[in-house]
């Protein structure tokens, strides 16, 4: 099976095995064996048995079907085998997972030649999946599937902005987040990866996040782009390697957001 290119149905199979590990432990009051990872500027970066079990299950399936593929995952690092690479975050949003708030998700991305080709976000508690097959983006809720196509074309003064944590802006005084927040209609916080899915679904206009890792954002790139959105780093380069990320529902909003943030 050397370098065979998977289809979106295999991502659904990966999401199934991850969901089988994450959902039964969510809001369960069982011992999640919480540990804290060391991370710059972060006092509490938790990892649970659910994170580890979900990533292990996905890695096991990938290596069984595609042994020559590379894998990058948040919990178990990187295996470099070939030019096709899986980028996995078993639970993006472990903090809300611990709090019983369903804005976390399993992120599954497939990269080939430095380009994100396929992507999926699975949220099993709300019974939702968001994905891109490389050409279009889709949302499935309770087994009902619809194609995503962003229709919003807002002015900056009409836009809804999301950032995960408002205090993050204090660590990056050279980035003019305050000005952007003052120019938009409304700023909301704390929705993790789910906010990017809501941008692709047409409910949020701008998402801005500091210092993301590749596994935090890679799977979301094709979902946003193939729904009609725009996503990049703060300097306008590709987002697939992580960094400070700006996503928007239109090219115009994206350009305005970058201009303000860099001013």
C-alpha atoms as a PDB file:
ATOM      1  CA  UNK A   1       0.000   0.000   0.000  1.00  0.00           C
ATOM      2  CA  UNK A   2       2.975   2.317  -0.502  1.00  0.00           C
ATOM      3  CA  UNK A   3       1.876   5.936  -0.864  1.00  0.00           C
ATOM      4  CA  UNK A   4      -1.734   5.064  -1.709  1.00  0.00           C
ATOM      5  CA  UNK A   5      -3.811   8.218  -1.305  1.00  0.00           C
ATOM      6  CA  UNK A   6      -6.758   7.792   1.096  1.00  0.00           C
ATOM      7  CA  UNK A   7     -10.248   9.138   0.516  1.00  0.00           C
ATOM      8  CA  UNK A   8     -12.560  10.955   2.898  1.00  0.00           C
ATOM      9  CA  UNK A   9     -14.224   7.707   3.963  1.00  0.00           C
ATOM     10  CA  UNK A  10     -11.025   6.644   5.668  1.00  0.00           C
ATOM     11  CA  UNK A  11     -11.068   9.891   7.681  1.00  0.00           C
ATOM     12  CA  UNK A  12     -14.567   8.965   8.837  1.00  0.00           C
ATOM     13  CA  UNK A  13     -13.216   5.593   9.962  1.00  0.00           C
ATOM     14  CA  UNK A  14     -10.446   7.350  11.893  1.00  0.00           C
ATOM     15  CA  UNK A  15     -13.010   9.660  13.465  1.00  0.00           C
ATOM     16  CA  UNK A  16     -15.092   6.631  14.462  1.00  0.00           C
ATOM     17  CA  UNK A  17     -12.237   5.030  16.401  1.00  0.00           C
ATOM     18  CA  UNK A  18     -11.332   8.358  18.029  1.00  0.00           C
ATOM     19  CA  UNK A  19     -14.965   9.013  18.994  1.00  0.00           C
ATOM     20  CA  UNK A  20     -15.083   5.583  20.635  1.00  0.00           C
ATOM     21  CA  UNK A  21     -12.345   6.750  23.015  1.00  0.00           C
ATOM     22  CA  UNK A  22     -13.350  10.378  23.623  1.00  0.00           C
ATOM     23  CA  UNK A  23     -17.140  10.286  23.899  1.00  0.00           C
ATOM     24  CA  UNK A  24     -17.572   7.637  26.638  1.00  0.00           C
ATOM     25  CA  UNK A  25     -15.148   9.560  28.872  1.00  0.00           C
ATOM     26  CA  UNK A  26     -16.756  12.976  28.281  1.00  0.00           C
ATOM     27  CA  UNK A  27     -18.951  14.159  31.198  1.00  0.00           C
ATOM     28  CA  UNK A  28     -18.403  10.768  32.790  1.00  0.00           C
ATOM     29  CA  UNK A  29     -16.805  11.714  36.154  1.00  0.00           C
ATOM     30  CA  UNK A  30     -14.319   8.880  35.673  1.00  0.00           C
ATOM     31  CA  UNK A  31     -10.634   9.391  36.368  1.00  0.00           C
ATOM     32  CA  UNK A  32      -9.130  10.908  33.227  1.00  0.00           C
ATOM     33  CA  UNK A  33      -5.564  10.559  34.558  1.00  0.00           C
ATOM     34  CA  UNK A  34      -4.850  14.241  33.931  1.00  0.00           C
ATOM     35  CA  UNK A  35      -1.250  15.244  33.391  1.00  0.00           C
ATOM     36  CA  UNK A  36       0.239  18.656  32.620  1.00  0.00           C
ATOM     37  CA  UNK A  37       2.540  19.226  29.661  1.00  0.00           C
ATOM     38  CA  UNK A  38       5.270  21.847  29.780  1.00  0.00           C
ATOM     39  CA  UNK A  39       4.453  24.688  27.397  1.00  0.00           C
ATOM     40  CA  UNK A  40       5.853  28.203  27.136  1.00  0.00           C
ATOM     41  CA  UNK A  41       3.587  30.928  28.582  1.00  0.00           C
ATOM     42  CA  UNK A  42       0.981  28.315  29.610  1.00  0.00           C
ATOM     43  CA  UNK A  43       0.594  27.379  33.275  1.00  0.00           C
ATOM     44  CA  UNK A  44      -1.803  24.461  32.707  1.00  0.00           C
ATOM     45  CA  UNK A  45      -1.742  22.461  29.473  1.00  0.00           C
ATOM     46  CA  UNK A  46      -3.596  19.243  30.303  1.00  0.00           C
ATOM     47  CA  UNK A  47      -3.519  15.862  28.616  1.00  0.00           C
ATOM     48  CA  UNK A  48      -5.861  13.015  29.554  1.00  0.00           C
ATOM     49  CA  UNK A  49      -6.147   9.297  28.995  1.00  0.00           C
ATOM     50  CA  UNK A  50      -8.810  10.141  26.386  1.00  0.00           C
ATOM     51  CA  UNK A  51      -6.313  12.217  24.364  1.00  0.00           C
ATOM     52  CA  UNK A  52      -3.776   9.412  24.403  1.00  0.00           C
ATOM     53  CA  UNK A  53      -6.233   6.592  23.700  1.00  0.00           C
ATOM     54  CA  UNK A  54      -7.844   8.417  20.777  1.00  0.00           C
ATOM     55  CA  UNK A  55      -4.528   9.252  19.138  1.00  0.00           C
ATOM     56  CA  UNK A  56      -3.232   5.715  19.690  1.00  0.00           C
ATOM     57  CA  UNK A  57      -6.354   4.265  18.035  1.00  0.00           C
ATOM     58  CA  UNK A  58      -5.986   6.528  14.994  1.00  0.00           C
ATOM     59  CA  UNK A  59      -2.262   5.819  14.658  1.00  0.00           C
ATOM     60  CA  UNK A  60      -2.901   2.084  14.863  1.00  0.00           C
ATOM     61  CA  UNK A  61      -5.442   2.223  12.045  1.00  0.00           C
ATOM     62  CA  UNK A  62      -3.220   4.417   9.861  1.00  0.00           C
ATOM     63  CA  UNK A  63      -0.202   2.137  10.242  1.00  0.00           C
ATOM     64  CA  UNK A  64      -2.345  -0.918   9.456  1.00  0.00           C
ATOM     65  CA  UNK A  65      -3.766   0.533   6.236  1.00  0.00           C
ATOM     66  CA  UNK A  66      -0.965   2.897   5.183  1.00  0.00           C
ATOM     67  CA  UNK A  67       2.325   1.764   6.766  1.00  0.00           C
ATOM     68  CA  UNK A  68       4.417   4.062   4.558  1.00  0.00           C
ATOM     69  CA  UNK A  69       2.604   7.239   5.581  1.00  0.00           C
ATOM     70  CA  UNK A  70       4.105   9.752   7.993  1.00  0.00           C
ATOM     71  CA  UNK A  71       2.234  10.786  11.141  1.00  0.00           C
ATOM     72  CA  UNK A  72       2.410  13.882  13.318  1.00  0.00           C
ATOM     73  CA  UNK A  73       0.301  13.842  16.474  1.00  0.00           C
ATOM     74  CA  UNK A  74       0.045  16.049  19.515  1.00  0.00           C
ATOM     75  CA  UNK A  75       0.537  13.303  22.076  1.00  0.00           C
ATOM     76  CA  UNK A  76       3.043  10.900  20.493  1.00  0.00           C
ATOM     77  CA  UNK A  77       5.145  13.083  18.211  1.00  0.00           C
ATOM     78  CA  UNK A  78       6.188  12.434  14.620  1.00  0.00           C
ATOM     79  CA  UNK A  79       6.970   9.372  12.511  1.00  0.00           C
ATOM     80  CA  UNK A  80       8.530  10.263   9.157  1.00  0.00           C
ATOM     81  CA  UNK A  81       7.910   7.530   6.591  1.00  0.00           C
ATOM     82  CA  UNK A  82       6.877   9.210   3.358  1.00  0.00           C
ATOM     83  CA  UNK A  83       5.587  12.283   1.561  1.00  0.00           C
ATOM     84  CA  UNK A  84       1.975  11.701   2.638  1.00  0.00           C
ATOM     85  CA  UNK A  85       1.532  12.816   6.242  1.00  0.00           C
ATOM     86  CA  UNK A  86      -1.311  12.599   8.735  1.00  0.00           C
ATOM     87  CA  UNK A  87      -1.610  15.445  11.246  1.00  0.00           C
ATOM     88  CA  UNK A  88      -3.665  14.505  14.302  1.00  0.00           C
ATOM     89  CA  UNK A  89      -5.017  16.268  17.367  1.00  0.00           C
ATOM     90  CA  UNK A  90      -7.087  13.723  19.302  1.00  0.00           C
ATOM     91  CA  UNK A  91      -8.780  16.363  21.470  1.00  0.00           C
ATOM     92  CA  UNK A  92      -8.337  19.954  20.409  1.00  0.00           C
ATOM     93  CA  UNK A  93      -9.738  21.753  23.423  1.00  0.00           C
ATOM     94  CA  UNK A  94      -8.795  19.490  26.324  1.00  0.00           C
ATOM     95  CA  UNK A  95      -9.671  22.217  28.840  1.00  0.00           C
ATOM     96  CA  UNK A  96     -13.330  22.487  27.753  1.00  0.00           C
ATOM     97  CA  UNK A  97     -13.378  18.684  27.477  1.00  0.00           C
ATOM     98  CA  UNK A  98     -12.507  18.553  31.181  1.00  0.00           C
ATOM     99  CA  UNK A  99     -15.205  21.131  31.956  1.00  0.00           C
ATOM    100  CA  UNK A 100     -17.924  19.269  30.064  1.00  0.00           C
ATOM    101  CA  UNK A 101     -18.251  21.988  27.408  1.00  0.00           C
ATOM    102  CA  UNK A 102     -18.653  20.556  23.872  1.00  0.00           C
ATOM    103  CA  UNK A 103     -16.462  22.938  21.873  1.00  0.00           C
ATOM    104  CA  UNK A 104     -13.605  20.424  21.633  1.00  0.00           C
ATOM    105  CA  UNK A 105     -13.073  18.159  18.655  1.00  0.00           C
ATOM    106  CA  UNK A 106     -10.846  15.542  17.081  1.00  0.00           C
ATOM    107  CA  UNK A 107      -8.828  17.035  14.216  1.00  0.00           C
ATOM    108  CA  UNK A 108      -7.636  14.797  11.374  1.00  0.00           C
ATOM    109  CA  UNK A 109      -5.671  16.262   8.480  1.00  0.00           C
ATOM    110  CA  UNK A 110      -3.864  14.799   5.483  1.00  0.00           C
ATOM    111  CA  UNK A 111      -0.910  16.657   3.973  1.00  0.00           C
ATOM    112  CA  UNK A 112       0.836  15.958   0.661  1.00  0.00           C
ATOM    113  CA  UNK A 113       3.739  17.994  -0.691  1.00  0.00           C
ATOM    114  CA  UNK A 114       3.257  20.713   1.939  1.00  0.00           C
ATOM    115  CA  UNK A 115      -0.428  21.148   1.079  1.00  0.00           C
ATOM    116  CA  UNK A 116      -3.401  20.163   3.220  1.00  0.00           C
ATOM    117  CA  UNK A 117      -5.553  17.912   1.037  1.00  0.00           C
ATOM    118  CA  UNK A 118      -8.184  16.494   3.396  1.00  0.00           C
ATOM    119  CA  UNK A 119      -9.439  17.623   6.780  1.00  0.00           C
ATOM    120  CA  UNK A 120     -12.004  16.654   9.383  1.00  0.00           C
ATOM    121  CA  UNK A 121     -13.297  17.885  12.728  1.00  0.00           C
ATOM    122  CA  UNK A 122     -15.365  15.361  14.685  1.00  0.00           C
ATOM    123  CA  UNK A 123     -17.515  16.449  17.644  1.00  0.00           C
ATOM    124  CA  UNK A 124     -19.238  13.260  18.800  1.00  0.00           C
ATOM    125  CA  UNK A 125     -21.195  14.749  21.712  1.00  0.00           C
ATOM    126  CA  UNK A 126     -23.139  17.075  19.403  1.00  0.00           C
ATOM    127  CA  UNK A 127     -23.086  14.350  16.737  1.00  0.00           C
ATOM    128  CA  UNK A 128     -21.397  16.660  14.238  1.00  0.00           C
ATOM    129  CA  UNK A 129     -18.635  16.347  11.706  1.00  0.00           C
ATOM    130  CA  UNK A 130     -17.104  18.988   9.481  1.00  0.00           C
ATOM    131  CA  UNK A 131     -14.839  17.901   6.647  1.00  0.00           C
ATOM    132  CA  UNK A 132     -13.337  18.682   3.277  1.00  0.00           C
ATOM    133  CA  UNK A 133     -12.661  16.168   0.531  1.00  0.00           C
ATOM    134  CA  UNK A 134     -10.197  18.554  -1.110  1.00  0.00           C
ATOM    135  CA  UNK A 135     -12.783  20.172  -3.384  1.00  0.00           C
ATOM    136  CA  UNK A 136     -15.796  21.003  -1.208  1.00  0.00           C
ATOM    137  CA  UNK A 137     -16.571  21.247   2.502  1.00  0.00           C
ATOM    138  CA  UNK A 138     -19.414  19.586   4.370  1.00  0.00           C
ATOM    139  CA  UNK A 139     -21.230  19.547   7.701  1.00  0.00           C
ATOM    140  CA  UNK A 140     -23.032  16.498   9.036  1.00  0.00           C
ATOM    141  CA  UNK A 141     -25.425  16.704  11.989  1.00  0.00           C
ATOM    142  CA  UNK A 142     -27.418  13.680  13.140  1.00  0.00           C
ATOM    143  CA  UNK A 143     -26.481  11.932   9.870  1.00  0.00           C
ATOM    144  CA  UNK A 144     -27.902  14.782   7.743  1.00  0.00           C
ATOM    145  CA  UNK A 145     -25.204  16.146   5.446  1.00  0.00           C
ATOM    146  CA  UNK A 146     -25.022  19.541   3.756  1.00  0.00           C
ATOM    147  CA  UNK A 147     -22.422  21.349   1.691  1.00  0.00           C
ATOM    148  CA  UNK A 148     -20.774  24.389   3.282  1.00  0.00           C
ATOM    149  CA  UNK A 149     -20.490  27.588   1.277  1.00  0.00           C
ATOM    150  CA  UNK A 150     -19.893  30.848   3.120  1.00  0.00           C
ATOM    151  CA  UNK A 151     -22.373  33.516   2.003  1.00  0.00           C
ATOM    152  CA  UNK A 152     -21.336  36.282   4.373  1.00  0.00           C
ATOM    153  CA  UNK A 153     -19.592  39.304   2.882  1.00  0.00           C
ATOM    154  CA  UNK A 154     -19.442  41.651   5.846  1.00  0.00           C
ATOM    155  CA  UNK A 155     -17.795  44.983   6.396  1.00  0.00           C
ATOM    156  CA  UNK A 156     -15.281  44.999   9.253  1.00  0.00           C
ATOM    157  CA  UNK A 157     -17.783  46.994  11.352  1.00  0.00           C
ATOM    158  CA  UNK A 158     -20.357  44.214  10.899  1.00  0.00           C
ATOM    159  CA  UNK A 159     -17.996  41.311  11.560  1.00  0.00           C
ATOM    160  CA  UNK A 160     -18.043  38.831  14.441  1.00  0.00           C
ATOM    161  CA  UNK A 161     -14.536  38.076  15.739  1.00  0.00           C
ATOM    162  CA  UNK A 162     -13.436  35.065  17.758  1.00  0.00           C
ATOM    163  CA  UNK A 163     -10.262  34.637  19.797  1.00  0.00           C
ATOM    164  CA  UNK A 164      -9.772  31.741  22.158  1.00  0.00           C
ATOM    165  CA  UNK A 165      -8.343  33.611  25.146  1.00  0.00           C
ATOM    166  CA  UNK A 166      -8.371  37.417  25.549  1.00  0.00           C
ATOM    167  CA  UNK A 167      -5.354  37.457  27.854  1.00  0.00           C
ATOM    168  CA  UNK A 168      -3.228  35.910  25.107  1.00  0.00           C
ATOM    169  CA  UNK A 169      -2.994  39.345  23.508  1.00  0.00           C
ATOM    170  CA  UNK A 170      -1.002  40.612  26.501  1.00  0.00           C
ATOM    171  CA  UNK A 171       1.862  38.286  25.533  1.00  0.00           C
ATOM    172  CA  UNK A 172       2.116  39.790  22.043  1.00  0.00           C
ATOM    173  CA  UNK A 173       2.073  43.590  22.427  1.00  0.00           C
ATOM    174  CA  UNK A 174       3.362  44.084  18.865  1.00  0.00           C
ATOM    175  CA  UNK A 175       0.113  42.625  17.472  1.00  0.00           C
ATOM    176  CA  UNK A 176      -2.713  45.162  17.412  1.00  0.00           C
ATOM    177  CA  UNK A 177      -5.516  42.886  18.583  1.00  0.00           C
ATOM    178  CA  UNK A 178      -7.157  45.660  20.616  1.00  0.00           C
ATOM    179  CA  UNK A 179      -7.715  47.772  17.502  1.00  0.00           C
ATOM    180  CA  UNK A 180      -9.235  44.850  15.608  1.00  0.00           C
ATOM    181  CA  UNK A 181     -11.550  44.057  18.515  1.00  0.00           C
ATOM    182  CA  UNK A 182     -12.681  47.680  18.653  1.00  0.00           C
ATOM    183  CA  UNK A 183     -13.473  47.829  14.941  1.00  0.00           C
ATOM    184  CA  UNK A 184     -15.652  44.710  14.711  1.00  0.00           C
ATOM    185  CA  UNK A 185     -19.280  44.397  15.795  1.00  0.00           C
ATOM    186  CA  UNK A 186     -18.660  41.776  18.482  1.00  0.00           C
ATOM    187  CA  UNK A 187     -15.806  39.700  19.925  1.00  0.00           C
ATOM    188  CA  UNK A 188     -16.386  36.307  21.529  1.00  0.00           C
ATOM    189  CA  UNK A 189     -14.017  33.893  23.250  1.00  0.00           C
ATOM    190  CA  UNK A 190     -13.270  30.291  24.151  1.00  0.00           C
ATOM    191  CA  UNK A 191     -14.745  28.141  21.376  1.00  0.00           C
ATOM    192  CA  UNK A 192     -11.464  26.393  20.460  1.00  0.00           C
ATOM    193  CA  UNK A 193     -11.474  24.535  17.120  1.00  0.00           C
ATOM    194  CA  UNK A 194     -15.270  24.760  16.976  1.00  0.00           C
ATOM    195  CA  UNK A 195     -14.973  28.490  16.213  1.00  0.00           C
ATOM    196  CA  UNK A 196     -13.122  27.730  12.970  1.00  0.00           C
ATOM    197  CA  UNK A 197     -15.874  25.258  12.048  1.00  0.00           C
ATOM    198  CA  UNK A 198     -18.455  27.971  12.703  1.00  0.00           C
ATOM    199  CA  UNK A 199     -16.541  30.285  10.382  1.00  0.00           C
ATOM    200  CA  UNK A 200     -16.740  27.644   7.648  1.00  0.00           C
ATOM    201  CA  UNK A 201     -20.458  27.276   8.421  1.00  0.00           C
ATOM    202  CA  UNK A 202     -21.025  31.025   8.079  1.00  0.00           C
ATOM    203  CA  UNK A 203     -21.659  32.075  11.688  1.00  0.00           C
ATOM    204  CA  UNK A 204     -18.325  33.748  12.522  1.00  0.00           C
ATOM    205  CA  UNK A 205     -16.462  36.185  10.274  1.00  0.00           C
ATOM    206  CA  UNK A 206     -12.903  36.294  11.673  1.00  0.00           C
ATOM    207  CA  UNK A 207     -10.953  33.829  13.823  1.00  0.00           C
ATOM    208  CA  UNK A 208      -7.642  34.907  15.308  1.00  0.00           C
ATOM    209  CA  UNK A 209      -5.375  32.668  17.363  1.00  0.00           C
ATOM    210  CA  UNK A 210      -1.861  33.072  18.755  1.00  0.00           C
ATOM    211  CA  UNK A 211       0.926  30.492  18.482  1.00  0.00           C
ATOM    212  CA  UNK A 212      -0.872  27.420  17.199  1.00  0.00           C
ATOM    213  CA  UNK A 213       0.940  24.171  16.485  1.00  0.00           C
ATOM    214  CA  UNK A 214       0.470  22.407  13.122  1.00  0.00           C
ATOM    215  CA  UNK A 215      -1.863  19.837  14.697  1.00  0.00           C
ATOM    216  CA  UNK A 216      -4.058  22.663  16.077  1.00  0.00           C
ATOM    217  CA  UNK A 217      -4.900  24.076  12.655  1.00  0.00           C
ATOM    218  CA  UNK A 218      -3.845  21.817   9.749  1.00  0.00           C
ATOM    219  CA  UNK A 219      -7.080  19.816   9.504  1.00  0.00           C
ATOM    220  CA  UNK A 220      -9.171  22.990   9.543  1.00  0.00           C
ATOM    221  CA  UNK A 221      -7.424  24.632   6.579  1.00  0.00           C
ATOM    222  CA  UNK A 222      -9.143  22.692   3.747  1.00  0.00           C
ATOM    223  CA  UNK A 223     -12.500  22.916   5.548  1.00  0.00           C
ATOM    224  CA  UNK A 224     -12.283  26.717   5.640  1.00  0.00           C
ATOM    225  CA  UNK A 225     -10.755  27.213   2.200  1.00  0.00           C
ATOM    226  CA  UNK A 226     -13.150  24.893   0.378  1.00  0.00           C
ATOM    227  CA  UNK A 227     -16.109  26.571   2.071  1.00  0.00           C
ATOM    228  CA  UNK A 228     -14.932  29.870   0.580  1.00  0.00           C
ATOM    229  CA  UNK A 229     -12.952  31.285   3.494  1.00  0.00           C
ATOM    230  CA  UNK A 230      -9.353  32.483   3.678  1.00  0.00           C
ATOM    231  CA  UNK A 231      -6.744  31.430   6.247  1.00  0.00           C
ATOM    232  CA  UNK A 232      -3.072  32.290   6.741  1.00  0.00           C
ATOM    233  CA  UNK A 233      -0.471  33.229   9.294  1.00  0.00           C
ATOM    234  CA  UNK A 234      -0.148  36.828  10.458  1.00  0.00           C
ATOM    235  CA  UNK A 235       2.386  37.546   7.692  1.00  0.00           C
ATOM    236  CA  UNK A 236       0.113  36.072   5.025  1.00  0.00           C
ATOM    237  CA  UNK A 237       1.935  32.769   4.529  1.00  0.00           C
ATOM    238  CA  UNK A 238       0.475  29.261   4.636  1.00  0.00           C
ATOM    239  CA  UNK A 239      -1.061  28.246   7.959  1.00  0.00           C
ATOM    240  CA  UNK A 240      -0.285  24.529   7.761  1.00  0.00           C
ATOM    241  CA  UNK A 241       2.886  24.783   9.848  1.00  0.00           C
ATOM    242  CA  UNK A 242       1.103  26.695  12.615  1.00  0.00           C
ATOM    243  CA  UNK A 243       1.909  30.089  14.061  1.00  0.00           C
ATOM    244  CA  UNK A 244      -0.321  33.079  14.727  1.00  0.00           C
ATOM    245  CA  UNK A 245      -3.348  32.401  12.550  1.00  0.00           C
ATOM    246  CA  UNK A 246      -5.970  34.628  10.936  1.00  0.00           C
ATOM    247  CA  UNK A 247      -9.014  33.148   9.184  1.00  0.00           C
ATOM    248  CA  UNK A 248     -11.835  35.130   7.618  1.00  0.00           C
ATOM    249  CA  UNK A 249     -15.039  34.573   5.703  1.00  0.00           C
ATOM    250  CA  UNK A 250     -13.876  36.646   2.720  1.00  0.00           C
ATOM    251  CA  UNK A 251     -10.684  37.856   1.070  1.00  0.00           C
ATOM    252  CA  UNK A 252     -11.594  41.467   1.859  1.00  0.00           C
ATOM    253  CA  UNK A 253     -12.095  40.818   5.579  1.00  0.00           C
ATOM    254  CA  UNK A 254      -8.912  38.784   5.723  1.00  0.00           C
ATOM    255  CA  UNK A 255      -6.894  41.595   4.172  1.00  0.00           C
ATOM    256  CA  UNK A 256      -8.435  44.170   6.522  1.00  0.00           C
ATOM    257  CA  UNK A 257      -7.787  42.009   9.583  1.00  0.00           C
ATOM    258  CA  UNK A 258      -4.143  41.456   8.623  1.00  0.00           C
ATOM    259  CA  UNK A 259      -3.650  45.169   8.005  1.00  0.00           C
ATOM    260  CA  UNK A 260      -5.084  46.131  11.408  1.00  0.00           C
ATOM    261  CA  UNK A 261      -3.254  43.418  13.348  1.00  0.00           C
ATOM    262  CA  UNK A 262       0.066  44.386  11.781  1.00  0.00           C
ATOM    263  CA  UNK A 263      -0.432  48.136  12.216  1.00  0.00           C
END
